[in-house]
Protein backbone atom coordinates (compact mmCIF):
# COMPACT_ATOMS: atom_id res chain seq x y z
CA MET A 1 0.00 0.01 -0.02
CA ARG A 2 2.89 2.32 0.74
CA LEU A 3 4.37 1.68 -2.66
CA PHE A 4 1.06 2.32 -4.48
CA ARG A 5 0.68 5.99 -3.55
CA PRO A 6 4.10 7.19 -4.85
CA ILE A 7 3.58 5.23 -8.07
CA ALA A 8 0.07 6.58 -8.56
CA LEU A 9 1.33 10.12 -7.89
CA LEU A 10 4.15 9.71 -10.38
CA SER A 11 1.70 8.41 -13.00
CA PHE A 12 -0.58 11.39 -12.38
CA CYS A 13 2.23 13.86 -12.71
CA LEU A 14 3.45 12.35 -16.00
CA ALA A 15 -0.11 12.46 -17.40
CA VAL A 16 -0.39 16.17 -16.50
CA LEU A 17 2.99 16.87 -18.06
CA VAL A 18 2.10 15.09 -21.32
CA LEU A 19 -1.35 16.68 -21.59
CA GLY A 20 -0.04 20.06 -20.64
CA SER A 21 2.63 20.05 -23.32
CA ALA A 22 0.37 18.65 -26.08
CA ASP A 23 -0.61 20.78 -29.05
CA PRO A 24 -4.22 21.94 -28.29
CA LEU A 25 -5.25 21.44 -31.90
CA LEU A 26 -3.91 17.87 -31.85
CA ALA A 27 -5.59 17.10 -28.51
CA ARG A 28 -8.94 18.58 -29.65
CA LYS A 29 -11.57 16.17 -30.86
CA TYR A 30 -12.51 17.18 -34.37
CA PRO A 31 -16.26 17.25 -35.21
CA GLU A 32 -17.71 14.48 -37.34
CA PRO A 33 -19.52 15.06 -40.67
CA SER A 34 -23.32 15.41 -40.50
CA SER A 35 -25.14 12.07 -40.79
CA PHE A 36 -27.43 13.70 -43.35
CA PRO A 37 -26.76 16.14 -46.23
CA ILE A 38 -26.58 19.76 -45.11
CA SER A 39 -24.80 21.19 -48.10
CA TRP A 40 -24.11 20.48 -51.78
CA GLU A 41 -22.16 17.37 -52.57
CA LEU A 42 -20.68 16.09 -55.83
CA LYS A 43 -20.87 12.50 -56.95
CA PHE A 44 -17.37 10.99 -56.96
CA LYS A 45 -16.22 7.73 -58.42
CA HIS A 46 -12.57 6.60 -58.38
CA ALA A 47 -10.31 3.74 -59.37
CA VAL A 48 -7.77 2.04 -57.16
CA PRO A 49 -4.39 3.85 -57.18
CA LYS A 50 -1.86 2.56 -59.66
CA ARG A 51 1.87 2.72 -59.94
CA VAL A 52 3.72 3.83 -63.12
CA VAL A 53 7.38 4.32 -63.97
CA VAL A 54 8.17 7.03 -66.44
CA ASP A 55 11.56 7.85 -68.03
CA VAL A 56 11.66 11.57 -67.20
CA PRO A 57 14.25 13.68 -69.11
CA GLY A 58 16.96 14.73 -66.72
CA SER A 59 15.85 12.38 -63.97
CA GLY A 60 15.68 8.96 -65.59
CA PRO A 61 13.13 6.29 -64.66
CA THR A 62 10.94 7.68 -61.89
CA ALA A 63 7.99 6.00 -60.11
CA TYR A 64 4.67 7.73 -59.63
CA TRP A 65 1.30 6.84 -58.19
CA TYR A 66 -1.94 8.04 -59.71
CA MET A 67 -5.68 7.74 -59.19
CA THR A 68 -8.26 8.35 -61.90
CA TYR A 69 -11.71 9.55 -61.00
CA THR A 70 -15.03 10.94 -62.39
CA VAL A 71 -16.82 13.82 -60.76
CA THR A 72 -20.47 14.56 -61.49
CA ASN A 73 -22.77 17.36 -60.38
CA LEU A 74 -26.23 16.04 -59.52
CA THR A 75 -27.16 19.01 -57.38
CA ASP A 76 -29.73 21.65 -58.45
CA SER A 77 -27.11 24.30 -59.34
CA GLU A 78 -23.68 24.63 -60.88
CA GLN A 79 -20.82 23.99 -58.39
CA THR A 80 -17.19 25.10 -58.24
CA PHE A 81 -14.94 22.13 -57.93
CA LEU A 82 -11.58 22.93 -56.33
CA PRO A 83 -10.06 19.43 -55.78
CA SER A 84 -7.55 18.65 -53.10
CA PHE A 85 -5.78 15.27 -53.04
CA GLU A 86 -3.46 14.60 -50.13
CA MET A 87 -1.53 11.38 -49.72
CA VAL A 88 -0.51 10.51 -46.18
CA THR A 89 2.17 7.82 -45.94
CA ASN A 90 2.61 5.21 -43.29
CA GLU A 91 5.14 7.51 -41.61
CA GLY A 92 2.72 10.42 -41.53
CA LYS A 93 4.21 12.43 -44.42
CA VAL A 94 1.64 14.49 -46.24
CA ILE A 95 2.08 14.89 -50.00
CA ASN A 96 -0.19 17.07 -52.18
CA SER A 97 -0.94 15.75 -55.59
CA ASP A 98 0.27 17.27 -58.86
CA GLN A 99 3.32 19.01 -57.44
CA ALA A 100 5.94 19.62 -60.19
CA ILE A 101 4.72 16.57 -62.16
CA PRO A 102 6.39 16.52 -65.67
CA ALA A 103 3.95 16.74 -68.60
CA LYS A 104 5.29 13.44 -69.88
CA VAL A 105 3.94 11.66 -66.77
CA PHE A 106 0.39 12.91 -67.42
CA GLN A 107 0.61 12.00 -71.12
CA THR A 108 1.89 8.47 -70.22
CA ILE A 109 -0.95 7.91 -67.83
CA LYS A 110 -3.58 9.34 -70.28
CA SER A 111 -2.31 7.00 -72.98
CA ALA A 112 -2.27 3.99 -70.63
CA GLU A 113 -5.80 4.64 -69.48
CA GLY A 114 -7.10 5.19 -73.01
CA SER A 115 -9.17 8.17 -71.92
CA LYS A 116 -9.00 11.13 -74.33
CA PHE A 117 -11.06 13.27 -71.94
CA LEU A 118 -8.80 12.75 -68.94
CA GLU A 119 -7.75 16.02 -67.29
CA SER A 120 -5.24 16.91 -64.66
CA SER A 121 -6.58 18.04 -61.23
CA ARG A 122 -5.47 21.66 -61.96
CA LYS A 123 -7.23 21.71 -65.33
CA ILE A 124 -10.38 20.15 -64.04
CA ALA A 125 -10.77 22.78 -61.34
CA GLY A 126 -13.62 25.17 -61.96
CA THR A 127 -17.31 24.97 -62.73
CA ILE A 128 -18.99 21.60 -62.84
CA HIS A 129 -22.22 21.88 -64.83
CA ILE A 130 -25.33 19.94 -63.83
CA GLY A 131 -26.05 16.46 -65.22
CA GLU A 132 -24.51 13.10 -65.93
CA ASP A 133 -23.57 14.18 -69.39
CA GLN A 134 -21.47 16.94 -67.90
CA ALA A 135 -19.27 14.59 -65.78
CA ARG A 136 -15.53 15.24 -65.89
CA ASP A 137 -12.73 12.68 -65.78
CA GLY A 138 -9.62 13.62 -63.85
CA VAL A 139 -6.44 12.14 -62.37
CA ALA A 140 -4.39 12.91 -59.26
CA ILE A 141 -0.65 12.19 -59.47
CA TRP A 142 2.06 11.85 -56.80
CA GLU A 143 5.76 11.07 -57.11
CA GLU A 144 6.33 7.86 -55.20
CA PRO A 145 7.36 8.81 -51.63
CA GLU A 146 8.93 5.38 -50.79
CA ALA A 147 9.36 2.07 -52.56
CA ARG A 148 7.61 0.20 -49.74
CA MET A 149 4.24 1.94 -49.39
CA GLY A 150 2.61 -0.31 -46.77
CA THR A 151 -0.50 1.45 -45.54
CA PHE A 152 -1.32 4.90 -46.91
CA ASN A 153 -4.32 7.26 -47.00
CA ILE A 154 -5.69 9.63 -49.56
CA PHE A 155 -7.86 12.56 -48.42
CA ILE A 156 -10.01 14.20 -51.02
CA GLY A 157 -11.35 17.70 -50.49
CA GLY A 158 -13.58 19.93 -52.59
CA LEU A 159 -16.41 17.44 -53.02
CA CYS A 160 -18.77 19.00 -50.47
CA GLY A 161 -19.66 22.42 -49.07
CA GLU A 162 -19.89 21.23 -45.46
CA TYR A 163 -17.50 22.88 -42.99
CA VAL A 164 -17.16 23.67 -39.32
CA GLU A 165 -15.43 26.65 -37.64
CA LEU A 166 -13.63 25.22 -34.62
CA LYS A 167 -14.41 26.85 -31.30
CA ASP A 168 -13.02 26.32 -27.81
CA ASP A 169 -14.92 23.83 -25.75
CA ASP A 170 -14.66 25.95 -22.58
CA ASP A 171 -15.48 29.52 -23.64
CA ASN A 172 -16.83 28.96 -27.23
CA LYS A 173 -14.21 31.30 -28.66
CA PRO A 174 -12.83 30.65 -32.16
CA VAL A 175 -9.79 28.37 -32.28
CA VAL A 176 -6.96 30.04 -34.17
CA ASP A 177 -3.71 28.77 -35.69
CA ASP A 178 -0.18 30.09 -35.21
CA GLN A 179 -0.92 32.95 -37.60
CA GLY A 180 -4.09 34.00 -35.78
CA LYS A 181 -6.45 32.67 -38.39
CA GLN A 182 -9.54 30.79 -37.34
CA VAL A 183 -9.25 27.01 -37.88
CA ILE A 184 -11.83 25.62 -40.29
CA VAL A 185 -12.28 21.93 -41.00
CA ARG A 186 -14.09 20.72 -44.13
CA LYS A 187 -15.71 17.51 -45.05
CA ALA A 188 -13.36 15.25 -46.98
CA LEU A 189 -13.37 11.66 -48.28
CA GLN A 190 -10.77 9.34 -46.74
CA LEU A 191 -9.49 6.43 -48.74
CA THR A 192 -7.18 3.83 -47.16
CA TYR A 193 -5.01 1.33 -48.96
CA VAL A 194 -2.65 -1.48 -47.94
CA ILE A 195 0.08 -3.04 -49.99
CA TYR A 196 1.41 -6.30 -48.61
CA GLY A 197 4.72 -6.32 -50.40
CA ASP A 198 8.24 -4.89 -50.40
CA GLU A 199 10.54 -2.72 -52.49
CA VAL A 200 11.86 -5.72 -54.48
CA ALA A 201 9.03 -5.83 -57.00
CA PRO A 202 6.69 -2.95 -56.15
CA ASP A 203 5.08 -3.02 -59.60
CA LYS A 204 3.68 -6.52 -58.94
CA ASP A 205 2.26 -5.88 -55.44
CA LEU A 206 -1.51 -5.78 -55.20
CA VAL A 207 -3.24 -2.67 -53.74
CA HIS A 208 -5.94 -3.58 -51.23
CA ALA A 209 -8.75 -1.02 -50.51
CA LYS A 210 -10.14 -0.56 -47.03
CA PRO A 211 -13.64 0.81 -46.38
CA GLU A 212 -13.78 4.54 -47.21
CA MET A 213 -15.33 7.18 -44.94
CA TRP A 214 -16.13 10.81 -44.70
CA VAL A 215 -14.14 12.93 -42.18
CA MET A 216 -13.66 16.54 -41.18
CA ARG A 217 -10.17 17.65 -42.10
């Protein structure tokens, strides 16, 4: 019994130290998306990510990952589509799509997919007209972050108008970032994939999809 009290006190002090030094934004529980539609939302269909190696001038053979998709506006008005595709690696590294991707890579993918209407994420950004016949085909591209991908996530933003302005749980004041701007989280689609393979033959490893879900990010 005499030993229990010092140990319990030490555990309590360590917990206070850890919680006190934690980033308040990281410690905060983010809100969840509404269980029913409260804003416009675009129809989004996508393929499983694929790997391609392209001989890039000045760099030689370079591996890339890409995901093709179709976005359709079935709402009652035209919508502005500003896509955001973030790949989060197993190590927590966040990579935005279409950053300094050579034109040859897009052309290689377009040819391989056999889609003459395929557009880059930057070109597809803009107004999406109403109707199935106005659907747009796009592709998000990332340079391969590591040969052994393991588990990785893709977060897709711009598909919905739902958002939440974060406020402090105690005094209901707006939560701000390091630059004094209010923190806003938006509804995004989270895709999770697992590759059970290694870097020896990454082009032959199968990509397994996990259940997708909507999150606030």
